[in-house]
Amino acid sequence: ESKAAHLYQYGFLGDFYAEKVLGFENPRVGLLNLGTEEDKGDEVHKE
């Protein structure tokens, strides 16, 4: 289980890995969710 703040930090960690190890420039960061709309998912994912 994760809080919204943890998912936020994962975004930075994953971004660093994609850039420094895989060599991606300005990596696109996405949140896995039930749908693409902003209000999808539970409260943790919305936050």
ModelCIF file with pLDDT and N, C-alpha, C, O atoms, coordinates in Angstrom:
data_MODEL
#
_entry.id   MODEL 
#
_entity.id                         1 
_entity.type                       polymer 
_entity.pdbx_number_of_molecules   1 
#
_entity_poly.entity_id                      1 
_entity_poly.type                           'polypeptide(L)' 
_entity_poly.nstd_linkage                   no 
_entity_poly.nstd_monomer                   no 
_entity_poly.pdbx_seq_one_letter_code       ESKAAHLYQYGFLGDFYAEKVLGFENPRVGLLNLGTEEDKGDEVHKE 
_entity_poly.pdbx_seq_one_letter_code_can   ESKAAHLYQYGFLGDFYAEKVLGFENPRVGLLNLGTEEDKGDEVHKE 
_entity_poly.pdbx_strand_id                 A 
#
loop_
_entity_poly_seq.entity_id 
_entity_poly_seq.num 
_entity_poly_seq.mon_id 
_entity_poly_seq.hetero 
1 1  GLU n 
1 2  SER n 
1 3  LYS n 
1 4  ALA n 
1 5  ALA n 
1 6  HIS n 
1 7  LEU n 
1 8  TYR n 
1 9  GLN n 
1 10 TYR n 
1 11 GLY n 
1 12 PHE n 
1 13 LEU n 
1 14 GLY n 
1 15 ASP n 
1 16 PHE n 
1 17 TYR n 
1 18 ALA n 
1 19 GLU n 
1 20 LYS n 
1 21 VAL n 
1 22 LEU n 
1 23 GLY n 
1 24 PHE n 
1 25 GLU n 
1 26 ASN n 
1 27 PRO n 
1 28 ARG n 
1 29 VAL n 
1 30 GLY n 
1 31 LEU n 
1 32 LEU n 
1 33 ASN n 
1 34 LEU n 
1 35 GLY n 
1 36 THR n 
1 37 GLU n 
1 38 GLU n 
1 39 ASP n 
1 40 LYS n 
1 41 GLY n 
1 42 ASP n 
1 43 GLU n 
1 44 VAL n 
1 45 HIS n 
1 46 LYS n 
1 47 GLU n 
#
_struct_asym.id          A 
_struct_asym.entity_id   1 
#
loop_
_ma_qa_metric.id 
_ma_qa_metric.mode 
_ma_qa_metric.name 
_ma_qa_metric.software_group_id 
_ma_qa_metric.type 
1 global pLDDT . pLDDT 
2 local  pLDDT . pLDDT 
#
_ma_qa_metric_global.metric_id      1 
_ma_qa_metric_global.metric_value   93.06 
_ma_qa_metric_global.model_id       1 
_ma_qa_metric_global.ordinal_id     1 
#
loop_
_ma_qa_metric_local.label_asym_id 
_ma_qa_metric_local.label_comp_id 
_ma_qa_metric_local.label_seq_id 
_ma_qa_metric_local.metric_id 
_ma_qa_metric_local.metric_value 
_ma_qa_metric_local.model_id 
_ma_qa_metric_local.ordinal_id 
A GLU 1  2 85.00 1 1  
A SER 2  2 90.00 1 2  
A LYS 3  2 92.00 1 3  
A ALA 4  2 93.00 1 4  
A ALA 5  2 91.00 1 5  
A HIS 6  2 93.00 1 6  
A LEU 7  2 95.00 1 7  
A TYR 8  2 93.00 1 8  
A GLN 9  2 92.00 1 9  
A TYR 10 2 94.00 1 10 
A GLY 11 2 93.00 1 11 
A PHE 12 2 91.00 1 12 
A LEU 13 2 93.00 1 13 
A GLY 14 2 94.00 1 14 
A ASP 15 2 93.00 1 15 
A PHE 16 2 90.00 1 16 
A TYR 17 2 92.00 1 17 
A ALA 18 2 94.00 1 18 
A GLU 19 2 92.00 1 19 
A LYS 20 2 88.00 1 20 
A VAL 21 2 89.00 1 21 
A LEU 22 2 91.00 1 22 
A GLY 23 2 92.00 1 23 
A PHE 24 2 95.00 1 24 
A GLU 25 2 95.00 1 25 
A ASN 26 2 95.00 1 26 
A PRO 27 2 97.00 1 27 
A ARG 28 2 97.00 1 28 
A VAL 29 2 98.00 1 29 
A GLY 30 2 98.00 1 30 
A LEU 31 2 98.00 1 31 
A LEU 32 2 97.00 1 32 
A ASN 33 2 96.00 1 33 
A LEU 34 2 92.00 1 34 
A GLY 35 2 93.00 1 35 
A THR 36 2 92.00 1 36 
A GLU 37 2 93.00 1 37 
A GLU 38 2 91.00 1 38 
A ASP 39 2 90.00 1 39 
A LYS 40 2 91.00 1 40 
A GLY 41 2 92.00 1 41 
A ASP 42 2 92.00 1 42 
A GLU 43 2 94.00 1 43 
A VAL 44 2 94.00 1 44 
A HIS 45 2 95.00 1 45 
A LYS 46 2 95.00 1 46 
A GLU 47 2 94.00 1 47 
#
loop_
_atom_site.group_PDB 
_atom_site.id 
_atom_site.type_symbol 
_atom_site.label_atom_id 
_atom_site.label_alt_id 
_atom_site.label_comp_id 
_atom_site.label_asym_id 
_atom_site.label_entity_id 
_atom_site.label_seq_id 
_atom_site.pdbx_PDB_ins_code 
_atom_site.Cartn_x 
_atom_site.Cartn_y 
_atom_site.Cartn_z 
_atom_site.occupancy 
_atom_site.B_iso_or_equiv 
_atom_site.pdbx_formal_charge 
_atom_site.auth_seq_id 
_atom_site.auth_comp_id 
_atom_site.auth_asym_id 
_atom_site.auth_atom_id 
_atom_site.pdbx_PDB_model_num 
ATOM 1   N N  . GLU A 1 1  ? 0.842   -1.186 0.000   1.00 85.00 ? 1  GLU A N  1 
ATOM 2   C CA . GLU A 1 1  ? 0.000   0.000  0.000   1.00 85.00 ? 1  GLU A CA 1 
ATOM 3   C C  . GLU A 1 1  ? 0.882   1.242  0.000   1.00 85.00 ? 1  GLU A C  1 
ATOM 4   O O  . GLU A 1 1  ? 1.971   1.243  0.575   1.00 85.00 ? 1  GLU A O  1 
ATOM 5   N N  . SER A 1 2  ? 0.410   2.284  -0.641  1.00 90.00 ? 2  SER A N  1 
ATOM 6   C CA . SER A 1 2  ? 1.163   3.532  -0.700  1.00 90.00 ? 2  SER A CA 1 
ATOM 7   C C  . SER A 1 2  ? 0.229   4.712  -0.518  1.00 90.00 ? 2  SER A C  1 
ATOM 8   O O  . SER A 1 2  ? -0.937  4.661  -0.908  1.00 90.00 ? 2  SER A O  1 
ATOM 9   N N  . LYS A 1 3  ? 0.749   5.773  0.077   1.00 92.00 ? 3  LYS A N  1 
ATOM 10  C CA . LYS A 1 3  ? 0.020   7.033  0.157   1.00 92.00 ? 3  LYS A CA 1 
ATOM 11  C C  . LYS A 1 3  ? 0.315   7.844  -1.097  1.00 92.00 ? 3  LYS A C  1 
ATOM 12  O O  . LYS A 1 3  ? 1.225   7.527  -1.863  1.00 92.00 ? 3  LYS A O  1 
ATOM 13  N N  . ALA A 1 4  ? -0.465  8.886  -1.289  1.00 93.00 ? 4  ALA A N  1 
ATOM 14  C CA . ALA A 1 4  ? -0.272  9.730  -2.463  1.00 93.00 ? 4  ALA A CA 1 
ATOM 15  C C  . ALA A 1 4  ? 1.126   10.344 -2.479  1.00 93.00 ? 4  ALA A C  1 
ATOM 16  O O  . ALA A 1 4  ? 1.734   10.472 -3.542  1.00 93.00 ? 4  ALA A O  1 
ATOM 17  N N  . ALA A 1 5  ? 1.641   10.724 -1.304  1.00 91.00 ? 5  ALA A N  1 
ATOM 18  C CA . ALA A 1 5  ? 2.973   11.324 -1.216  1.00 91.00 ? 5  ALA A CA 1 
ATOM 19  C C  . ALA A 1 5  ? 4.049   10.338 -1.645  1.00 91.00 ? 5  ALA A C  1 
ATOM 20  O O  . ALA A 1 5  ? 5.062   10.737 -2.219  1.00 91.00 ? 5  ALA A O  1 
ATOM 21  N N  . HIS A 1 6  ? 3.837   9.041  -1.369  1.00 93.00 ? 6  HIS A N  1 
ATOM 22  C CA . HIS A 1 6  ? 4.803   8.028  -1.802  1.00 93.00 ? 6  HIS A CA 1 
ATOM 23  C C  . HIS A 1 6  ? 4.810   7.920  -3.328  1.00 93.00 ? 6  HIS A C  1 
ATOM 24  O O  . HIS A 1 6  ? 5.873   7.845  -3.945  1.00 93.00 ? 6  HIS A O  1 
ATOM 25  N N  . LEU A 1 7  ? 3.622   7.912  -3.930  1.00 95.00 ? 7  LEU A N  1 
ATOM 26  C CA . LEU A 1 7  ? 3.534   7.834  -5.390  1.00 95.00 ? 7  LEU A CA 1 
ATOM 27  C C  . LEU A 1 7  ? 4.193   9.054  -6.027  1.00 95.00 ? 7  LEU A C  1 
ATOM 28  O O  . LEU A 1 7  ? 4.820   8.954  -7.081  1.00 95.00 ? 7  LEU A O  1 
ATOM 29  N N  . TYR A 1 8  ? 4.046   10.181 -5.389  1.00 93.00 ? 8  TYR A N  1 
ATOM 30  C CA . TYR A 1 8  ? 4.687   11.416 -5.849  1.00 93.00 ? 8  TYR A CA 1 
ATOM 31  C C  . TYR A 1 8  ? 6.211   11.234 -5.870  1.00 93.00 ? 8  TYR A C  1 
ATOM 32  O O  . TYR A 1 8  ? 6.871   11.581 -6.849  1.00 93.00 ? 8  TYR A O  1 
ATOM 33  N N  . GLN A 1 9  ? 6.756   10.689 -4.786  1.00 92.00 ? 9  GLN A N  1 
ATOM 34  C CA . GLN A 1 9  ? 8.200   10.465 -4.724  1.00 92.00 ? 9  GLN A CA 1 
ATOM 35  C C  . GLN A 1 9  ? 8.650   9.436  -5.746  1.00 92.00 ? 9  GLN A C  1 
ATOM 36  O O  . GLN A 1 9  ? 9.736   9.562  -6.312  1.00 92.00 ? 9  GLN A O  1 
ATOM 37  N N  . TYR A 1 10 ? 7.832   8.418  -5.991  1.00 94.00 ? 10 TYR A N  1 
ATOM 38  C CA . TYR A 1 10 ? 8.180   7.427  -7.012  1.00 94.00 ? 10 TYR A CA 1 
ATOM 39  C C  . TYR A 1 10 ? 8.334   8.086  -8.375  1.00 94.00 ? 10 TYR A C  1 
ATOM 40  O O  . TYR A 1 10 ? 9.156   7.661  -9.187  1.00 94.00 ? 10 TYR A O  1 
ATOM 41  N N  . GLY A 1 11 ? 7.536   9.134  -8.624  1.00 93.00 ? 11 GLY A N  1 
ATOM 42  C CA . GLY A 1 11 ? 7.646   9.841  -9.892  1.00 93.00 ? 11 GLY A CA 1 
ATOM 43  C C  . GLY A 1 11 ? 9.039   10.415 -10.095 1.00 93.00 ? 11 GLY A C  1 
ATOM 44  O O  . GLY A 1 11 ? 9.595   10.321 -11.189 1.00 93.00 ? 11 GLY A O  1 
ATOM 45  N N  . PHE A 1 12 ? 9.607   11.010 -9.047  1.00 91.00 ? 12 PHE A N  1 
ATOM 46  C CA . PHE A 1 12 ? 10.947  11.572 -9.141  1.00 91.00 ? 12 PHE A CA 1 
ATOM 47  C C  . PHE A 1 12 ? 12.010  10.483 -9.257  1.00 91.00 ? 12 PHE A C  1 
ATOM 48  O O  . PHE A 1 12 ? 12.950  10.603 -10.043 1.00 91.00 ? 12 PHE A O  1 
ATOM 49  N N  . LEU A 1 13 ? 11.854  9.420  -8.471  1.00 93.00 ? 13 LEU A N  1 
ATOM 50  C CA . LEU A 1 13 ? 12.824  8.332  -8.520  1.00 93.00 ? 13 LEU A CA 1 
ATOM 51  C C  . LEU A 1 13 ? 12.831  7.663  -9.893  1.00 93.00 ? 13 LEU A C  1 
ATOM 52  O O  . LEU A 1 13 ? 13.891  7.406  -10.462 1.00 93.00 ? 13 LEU A O  1 
ATOM 53  N N  . GLY A 1 14 ? 11.650  7.389  -10.414 1.00 94.00 ? 14 GLY A N  1 
ATOM 54  C CA . GLY A 1 14 ? 11.555  6.768  -11.732 1.00 94.00 ? 14 GLY A CA 1 
ATOM 55  C C  . GLY A 1 14 ? 12.074  7.678  -12.833 1.00 94.00 ? 14 GLY A C  1 
ATOM 56  O O  . GLY A 1 14 ? 12.708  7.212  -13.779 1.00 94.00 ? 14 GLY A O  1 
ATOM 57  N N  . ASP A 1 15 ? 11.808  8.971  -12.712 1.00 93.00 ? 15 ASP A N  1 
ATOM 58  C CA . ASP A 1 15 ? 12.298  9.946  -13.674 1.00 93.00 ? 15 ASP A CA 1 
ATOM 59  C C  . ASP A 1 15 ? 13.822  9.963  -13.703 1.00 93.00 ? 15 ASP A C  1 
ATOM 60  O O  . ASP A 1 15 ? 14.433  10.004 -14.771 1.00 93.00 ? 15 ASP A O  1 
ATOM 61  N N  . PHE A 1 16 ? 14.428  9.931  -12.519 1.00 90.00 ? 16 PHE A N  1 
ATOM 62  C CA . PHE A 1 16 ? 15.893  9.900  -12.425 1.00 90.00 ? 16 PHE A CA 1 
ATOM 63  C C  . PHE A 1 16 ? 16.458  8.644  -13.088 1.00 90.00 ? 16 PHE A C  1 
ATOM 64  O O  . PHE A 1 16 ? 17.441  8.709  -13.826 1.00 90.00 ? 16 PHE A O  1 
ATOM 65  N N  . TYR A 1 17 ? 15.829  7.510  -12.817 1.00 92.00 ? 17 TYR A N  1 
ATOM 66  C CA . TYR A 1 17 ? 16.330  6.251  -13.375 1.00 92.00 ? 17 TYR A CA 1 
ATOM 67  C C  . TYR A 1 17 ? 16.218  6.257  -14.899 1.00 92.00 ? 17 TYR A C  1 
ATOM 68  O O  . TYR A 1 17 ? 17.152  5.859  -15.596 1.00 92.00 ? 17 TYR A O  1 
ATOM 69  N N  . ALA A 1 18 ? 15.086  6.704  -15.407 1.00 94.00 ? 18 ALA A N  1 
ATOM 70  C CA . ALA A 1 18 ? 14.885  6.733  -16.851 1.00 94.00 ? 18 ALA A CA 1 
ATOM 71  C C  . ALA A 1 18 ? 15.900  7.639  -17.536 1.00 94.00 ? 18 ALA A C  1 
ATOM 72  O O  . ALA A 1 18 ? 16.384  7.337  -18.627 1.00 94.00 ? 18 ALA A O  1 
ATOM 73  N N  . GLU A 1 19 ? 16.215  8.751  -16.883 1.00 92.00 ? 19 GLU A N  1 
ATOM 74  C CA . GLU A 1 19 ? 17.147  9.695  -17.483 1.00 92.00 ? 19 GLU A CA 1 
ATOM 75  C C  . GLU A 1 19 ? 18.594  9.246  -17.340 1.00 92.00 ? 19 GLU A C  1 
ATOM 76  O O  . GLU A 1 19 ? 19.349  9.264  -18.313 1.00 92.00 ? 19 GLU A O  1 
ATOM 77  N N  . LYS A 1 20 ? 18.989  8.841  -16.122 1.00 88.00 ? 20 LYS A N  1 
ATOM 78  C CA . LYS A 1 20 ? 20.393  8.551  -15.844 1.00 88.00 ? 20 LYS A CA 1 
ATOM 79  C C  . LYS A 1 20 ? 20.843  7.187  -16.355 1.00 88.00 ? 20 LYS A C  1 
ATOM 80  O O  . LYS A 1 20 ? 21.979  7.045  -16.808 1.00 88.00 ? 20 LYS A O  1 
ATOM 81  N N  . VAL A 1 21 ? 19.973  6.184  -16.292 1.00 89.00 ? 21 VAL A N  1 
ATOM 82  C CA . VAL A 1 21 ? 20.354  4.821  -16.674 1.00 89.00 ? 21 VAL A CA 1 
ATOM 83  C C  . VAL A 1 21 ? 19.928  4.493  -18.102 1.00 89.00 ? 21 VAL A C  1 
ATOM 84  O O  . VAL A 1 21 ? 20.710  3.928  -18.866 1.00 89.00 ? 21 VAL A O  1 
ATOM 85  N N  . LEU A 1 22 ? 18.693  4.845  -18.469 1.00 91.00 ? 22 LEU A N  1 
ATOM 86  C CA . LEU A 1 22 ? 18.192  4.506  -19.801 1.00 91.00 ? 22 LEU A CA 1 
ATOM 87  C C  . LEU A 1 22 ? 18.501  5.583  -20.829 1.00 91.00 ? 22 LEU A C  1 
ATOM 88  O O  . LEU A 1 22 ? 18.410  5.341  -22.033 1.00 91.00 ? 22 LEU A O  1 
ATOM 89  N N  . GLY A 1 23 ? 18.865  6.768  -20.359 1.00 92.00 ? 23 GLY A N  1 
ATOM 90  C CA . GLY A 1 23 ? 19.229  7.832  -21.285 1.00 92.00 ? 23 GLY A CA 1 
ATOM 91  C C  . GLY A 1 23 ? 18.059  8.544  -21.920 1.00 92.00 ? 23 GLY A C  1 
ATOM 92  O O  . GLY A 1 23 ? 18.226  9.171  -22.966 1.00 92.00 ? 23 GLY A O  1 
ATOM 93  N N  . PHE A 1 24 ? 16.854  8.473  -21.317 1.00 95.00 ? 24 PHE A N  1 
ATOM 94  C CA . PHE A 1 24 ? 15.682  9.145  -21.866 1.00 95.00 ? 24 PHE A CA 1 
ATOM 95  C C  . PHE A 1 24 ? 15.751  10.641 -21.546 1.00 95.00 ? 24 PHE A C  1 
ATOM 96  O O  . PHE A 1 24 ? 16.059  11.037 -20.421 1.00 95.00 ? 24 PHE A O  1 
ATOM 97  N N  . GLU A 1 25 ? 15.467  11.442 -22.533 1.00 95.00 ? 25 GLU A N  1 
ATOM 98  C CA . GLU A 1 25 ? 15.439  12.891 -22.319 1.00 95.00 ? 25 GLU A CA 1 
ATOM 99  C C  . GLU A 1 25 ? 14.022  13.338 -21.962 1.00 95.00 ? 25 GLU A C  1 
ATOM 100 O O  . GLU A 1 25 ? 13.068  13.050 -22.683 1.00 95.00 ? 25 GLU A O  1 
ATOM 101 N N  . ASN A 1 26 ? 13.901  14.049 -20.835 1.00 95.00 ? 26 ASN A N  1 
ATOM 102 C CA . ASN A 1 26 ? 12.602  14.547 -20.373 1.00 95.00 ? 26 ASN A CA 1 
ATOM 103 C C  . ASN A 1 26 ? 11.549  13.440 -20.373 1.00 95.00 ? 26 ASN A C  1 
ATOM 104 O O  . ASN A 1 26 ? 10.549  13.547 -21.083 1.00 95.00 ? 26 ASN A O  1 
ATOM 105 N N  . PRO A 1 27 ? 11.754  12.376 -19.589 1.00 97.00 ? 27 PRO A N  1 
ATOM 106 C CA . PRO A 1 27 ? 10.836  11.224 -19.593 1.00 97.00 ? 27 PRO A CA 1 
ATOM 107 C C  . PRO A 1 27 ? 9.399   11.617 -19.275 1.00 97.00 ? 27 PRO A C  1 
ATOM 108 O O  . PRO A 1 27 ? 9.149   12.481 -18.434 1.00 97.00 ? 27 PRO A O  1 
ATOM 109 N N  . ARG A 1 28 ? 8.468   10.974 -19.954 1.00 97.00 ? 28 ARG A N  1 
ATOM 110 C CA . ARG A 1 28 ? 7.040   11.178 -19.694 1.00 97.00 ? 28 ARG A CA 1 
ATOM 111 C C  . ARG A 1 28 ? 6.625   10.316 -18.512 1.00 97.00 ? 28 ARG A C  1 
ATOM 112 O O  . ARG A 1 28 ? 6.798   9.097  -18.541 1.00 97.00 ? 28 ARG A O  1 
ATOM 113 N N  . VAL A 1 29 ? 6.081   10.937 -17.479 1.00 98.00 ? 29 VAL A N  1 
ATOM 114 C CA . VAL A 1 29 ? 5.703   10.226 -16.262 1.00 98.00 ? 29 VAL A CA 1 
ATOM 115 C C  . VAL A 1 29 ? 4.188   10.087 -16.208 1.00 98.00 ? 29 VAL A C  1 
ATOM 116 O O  . VAL A 1 29 ? 3.468   11.080 -16.312 1.00 98.00 ? 29 VAL A O  1 
ATOM 117 N N  . GLY A 1 30 ? 3.701   8.854  -16.045 1.00 98.00 ? 30 GLY A N  1 
ATOM 118 C CA . GLY A 1 30 ? 2.267   8.606  -15.962 1.00 98.00 ? 30 GLY A CA 1 
ATOM 119 C C  . GLY A 1 30 ? 1.907   7.844  -14.703 1.00 98.00 ? 30 GLY A C  1 
ATOM 120 O O  . GLY A 1 30 ? 2.750   7.167  -14.116 1.00 98.00 ? 30 GLY A O  1 
ATOM 121 N N  . LEU A 1 31 ? 0.656   7.953  -14.290 1.00 98.00 ? 31 LEU A N  1 
ATOM 122 C CA . LEU A 1 31 ? 0.137   7.266  -13.105 1.00 98.00 ? 31 LEU A CA 1 
ATOM 123 C C  . LEU A 1 31 ? -0.790  6.143  -13.556 1.00 98.00 ? 31 LEU A C  1 
ATOM 124 O O  . LEU A 1 31 ? -1.778  6.398  -14.244 1.00 98.00 ? 31 LEU A O  1 
ATOM 125 N N  . LEU A 1 32 ? -0.483  4.900  -13.175 1.00 97.00 ? 32 LEU A N  1 
ATOM 126 C CA . LEU A 1 32 ? -1.339  3.766  -13.528 1.00 97.00 ? 32 LEU A CA 1 
ATOM 127 C C  . LEU A 1 32 ? -2.674  3.904  -12.817 1.00 97.00 ? 32 LEU A C  1 
ATOM 128 O O  . LEU A 1 32 ? -2.721  4.030  -11.593 1.00 97.00 ? 32 LEU A O  1 
ATOM 129 N N  . ASN A 1 33 ? -3.767  3.879  -13.588 1.00 96.00 ? 33 ASN A N  1 
ATOM 130 C CA . ASN A 1 33 ? -5.080  4.089  -12.985 1.00 96.00 ? 33 ASN A CA 1 
ATOM 131 C C  . ASN A 1 33 ? -6.154  3.395  -13.812 1.00 96.00 ? 33 ASN A C  1 
ATOM 132 O O  . ASN A 1 33 ? -5.871  2.792  -14.848 1.00 96.00 ? 33 ASN A O  1 
ATOM 133 N N  . LEU A 1 34 ? -7.398  3.493  -13.331 1.00 92.00 ? 34 LEU A N  1 
ATOM 134 C CA . LEU A 1 34 ? -8.516  2.811  -13.973 1.00 92.00 ? 34 LEU A CA 1 
ATOM 135 C C  . LEU A 1 34 ? -8.891  3.422  -15.312 1.00 92.00 ? 34 LEU A C  1 
ATOM 136 O O  . LEU A 1 34 ? -9.449  2.743  -16.174 1.00 92.00 ? 34 LEU A O  1 
ATOM 137 N N  . GLY A 1 35 ? -8.592  4.682  -15.488 1.00 93.00 ? 35 GLY A N  1 
ATOM 138 C CA . GLY A 1 35 ? -8.902  5.372  -16.729 1.00 93.00 ? 35 GLY A CA 1 
ATOM 139 C C  . GLY A 1 35 ? -8.022  6.594  -16.872 1.00 93.00 ? 35 GLY A C  1 
ATOM 140 O O  . GLY A 1 35 ? -7.262  6.919  -15.961 1.00 93.00 ? 35 GLY A O  1 
ATOM 141 N N  . THR A 1 36 ? -8.113  7.270  -17.993 1.00 92.00 ? 36 THR A N  1 
ATOM 142 C CA . THR A 1 36 ? -7.231  8.403  -18.250 1.00 92.00 ? 36 THR A CA 1 
ATOM 143 C C  . THR A 1 36 ? -7.738  9.709  -17.650 1.00 92.00 ? 36 THR A C  1 
ATOM 144 O O  . THR A 1 36 ? -6.981  10.674 -17.545 1.00 92.00 ? 36 THR A O  1 
ATOM 145 N N  . GLU A 1 37 ? -9.006  9.752  -17.255 1.00 93.00 ? 37 GLU A N  1 
ATOM 146 C CA . GLU A 1 37 ? -9.560  10.989 -16.719 1.00 93.00 ? 37 GLU A CA 1 
ATOM 147 C C  . GLU A 1 37 ? -8.952  11.343 -15.365 1.00 93.00 ? 37 GLU A C  1 
ATOM 148 O O  . GLU A 1 37 ? -8.546  10.468 -14.600 1.00 93.00 ? 37 GLU A O  1 
ATOM 149 N N  . GLU A 1 38 ? -8.898  12.627 -15.091 1.00 91.00 ? 38 GLU A N  1 
ATOM 150 C CA . GLU A 1 38 ? -8.285  13.144 -13.868 1.00 91.00 ? 38 GLU A CA 1 
ATOM 151 C C  . GLU A 1 38 ? -8.942  12.605 -12.599 1.00 91.00 ? 38 GLU A C  1 
ATOM 152 O O  . GLU A 1 38 ? -8.252  12.383 -11.604 1.00 91.00 ? 38 GLU A O  1 
ATOM 153 N N  . ASP A 1 39 ? -10.255 12.392 -12.607 1.00 90.00 ? 39 ASP A N  1 
ATOM 154 C CA . ASP A 1 39 ? -10.983 12.015 -11.396 1.00 90.00 ? 39 ASP A CA 1 
ATOM 155 C C  . ASP A 1 39 ? -11.161 10.505 -11.237 1.00 90.00 ? 39 ASP A C  1 
ATOM 156 O O  . ASP A 1 39 ? -11.986 10.071 -10.433 1.00 90.00 ? 39 ASP A O  1 
ATOM 157 N N  . LYS A 1 40 ? -10.415 9.703  -11.976 1.00 91.00 ? 40 LYS A N  1 
ATOM 158 C CA . LYS A 1 40 ? -10.530 8.248  -11.883 1.00 91.00 ? 40 LYS A CA 1 
ATOM 159 C C  . LYS A 1 40 ? -9.793  7.706  -10.656 1.00 91.00 ? 40 LYS A C  1 
ATOM 160 O O  . LYS A 1 40 ? -8.855  8.321  -10.150 1.00 91.00 ? 40 LYS A O  1 
ATOM 161 N N  . GLY A 1 41 ? -10.249 6.523  -10.189 1.00 92.00 ? 41 GLY A N  1 
ATOM 162 C CA . GLY A 1 41 ? -9.544  5.835  -9.115  1.00 92.00 ? 41 GLY A CA 1 
ATOM 163 C C  . GLY A 1 41 ? -10.015 6.207  -7.727  1.00 92.00 ? 41 GLY A C  1 
ATOM 164 O O  . GLY A 1 41 ? -10.951 6.988  -7.554  1.00 92.00 ? 41 GLY A O  1 
ATOM 165 N N  . ASP A 1 42 ? -9.336  5.624  -6.727  1.00 92.00 ? 42 ASP A N  1 
ATOM 166 C CA . ASP A 1 42 ? -9.679  5.907  -5.331  1.00 92.00 ? 42 ASP A CA 1 
ATOM 167 C C  . ASP A 1 42 ? -9.076  7.242  -4.907  1.00 92.00 ? 42 ASP A C  1 
ATOM 168 O O  . ASP A 1 42 ? -8.460  7.949  -5.704  1.00 92.00 ? 42 ASP A O  1 
ATOM 169 N N  . GLU A 1 43 ? -9.272  7.568  -3.619  1.00 94.00 ? 43 GLU A N  1 
ATOM 170 C CA . GLU A 1 43 ? -8.821  8.875  -3.131  1.00 94.00 ? 43 GLU A CA 1 
ATOM 171 C C  . GLU A 1 43 ? -7.303  9.022  -3.205  1.00 94.00 ? 43 GLU A C  1 
ATOM 172 O O  . GLU A 1 43 ? -6.794  10.112 -3.468  1.00 94.00 ? 43 GLU A O  1 
ATOM 173 N N  . VAL A 1 44 ? -6.573  7.913  -2.972  1.00 94.00 ? 44 VAL A N  1 
ATOM 174 C CA . VAL A 1 44 ? -5.114  7.978  -3.044  1.00 94.00 ? 44 VAL A CA 1 
ATOM 175 C C  . VAL A 1 44 ? -4.662  8.361  -4.450  1.00 94.00 ? 44 VAL A C  1 
ATOM 176 O O  . VAL A 1 44 ? -3.779  9.202  -4.614  1.00 94.00 ? 44 VAL A O  1 
ATOM 177 N N  . HIS A 1 45 ? -5.264  7.747  -5.457  1.00 95.00 ? 45 HIS A N  1 
ATOM 178 C CA . HIS A 1 45 ? -4.862  8.025  -6.834  1.00 95.00 ? 45 HIS A CA 1 
ATOM 179 C C  . HIS A 1 45 ? -5.319  9.415  -7.292  1.00 95.00 ? 45 HIS A C  1 
ATOM 180 O O  . HIS A 1 45 ? -4.624  10.082 -8.060  1.00 95.00 ? 45 HIS A O  1 
ATOM 181 N N  . LYS A 1 46 ? -6.477  9.840  -6.820  1.00 95.00 ? 46 LYS A N  1 
ATOM 182 C CA . LYS A 1 46 ? -6.925  11.193 -7.156  1.00 95.00 ? 46 LYS A CA 1 
ATOM 183 C C  . LYS A 1 46 ? -5.968  12.230 -6.579  1.00 95.00 ? 46 LYS A C  1 
ATOM 184 O O  . LYS A 1 46 ? -5.606  13.198 -7.247  1.00 95.00 ? 46 LYS A O  1 
ATOM 185 N N  . GLU A 1 47 ? -5.565  12.013 -5.323  1.00 94.00 ? 47 GLU A N  1 
ATOM 186 C CA . GLU A 1 47 ? -4.638  12.946 -4.679  1.00 94.00 ? 47 GLU A CA 1 
ATOM 187 C C  . GLU A 1 47 ? -3.262  12.879 -5.343  1.00 94.00 ? 47 GLU A C  1 
ATOM 188 O O  . GLU A 1 47 ? -2.345  13.594 -4.937  1.00 94.00 ? 47 GLU A O  1 
#
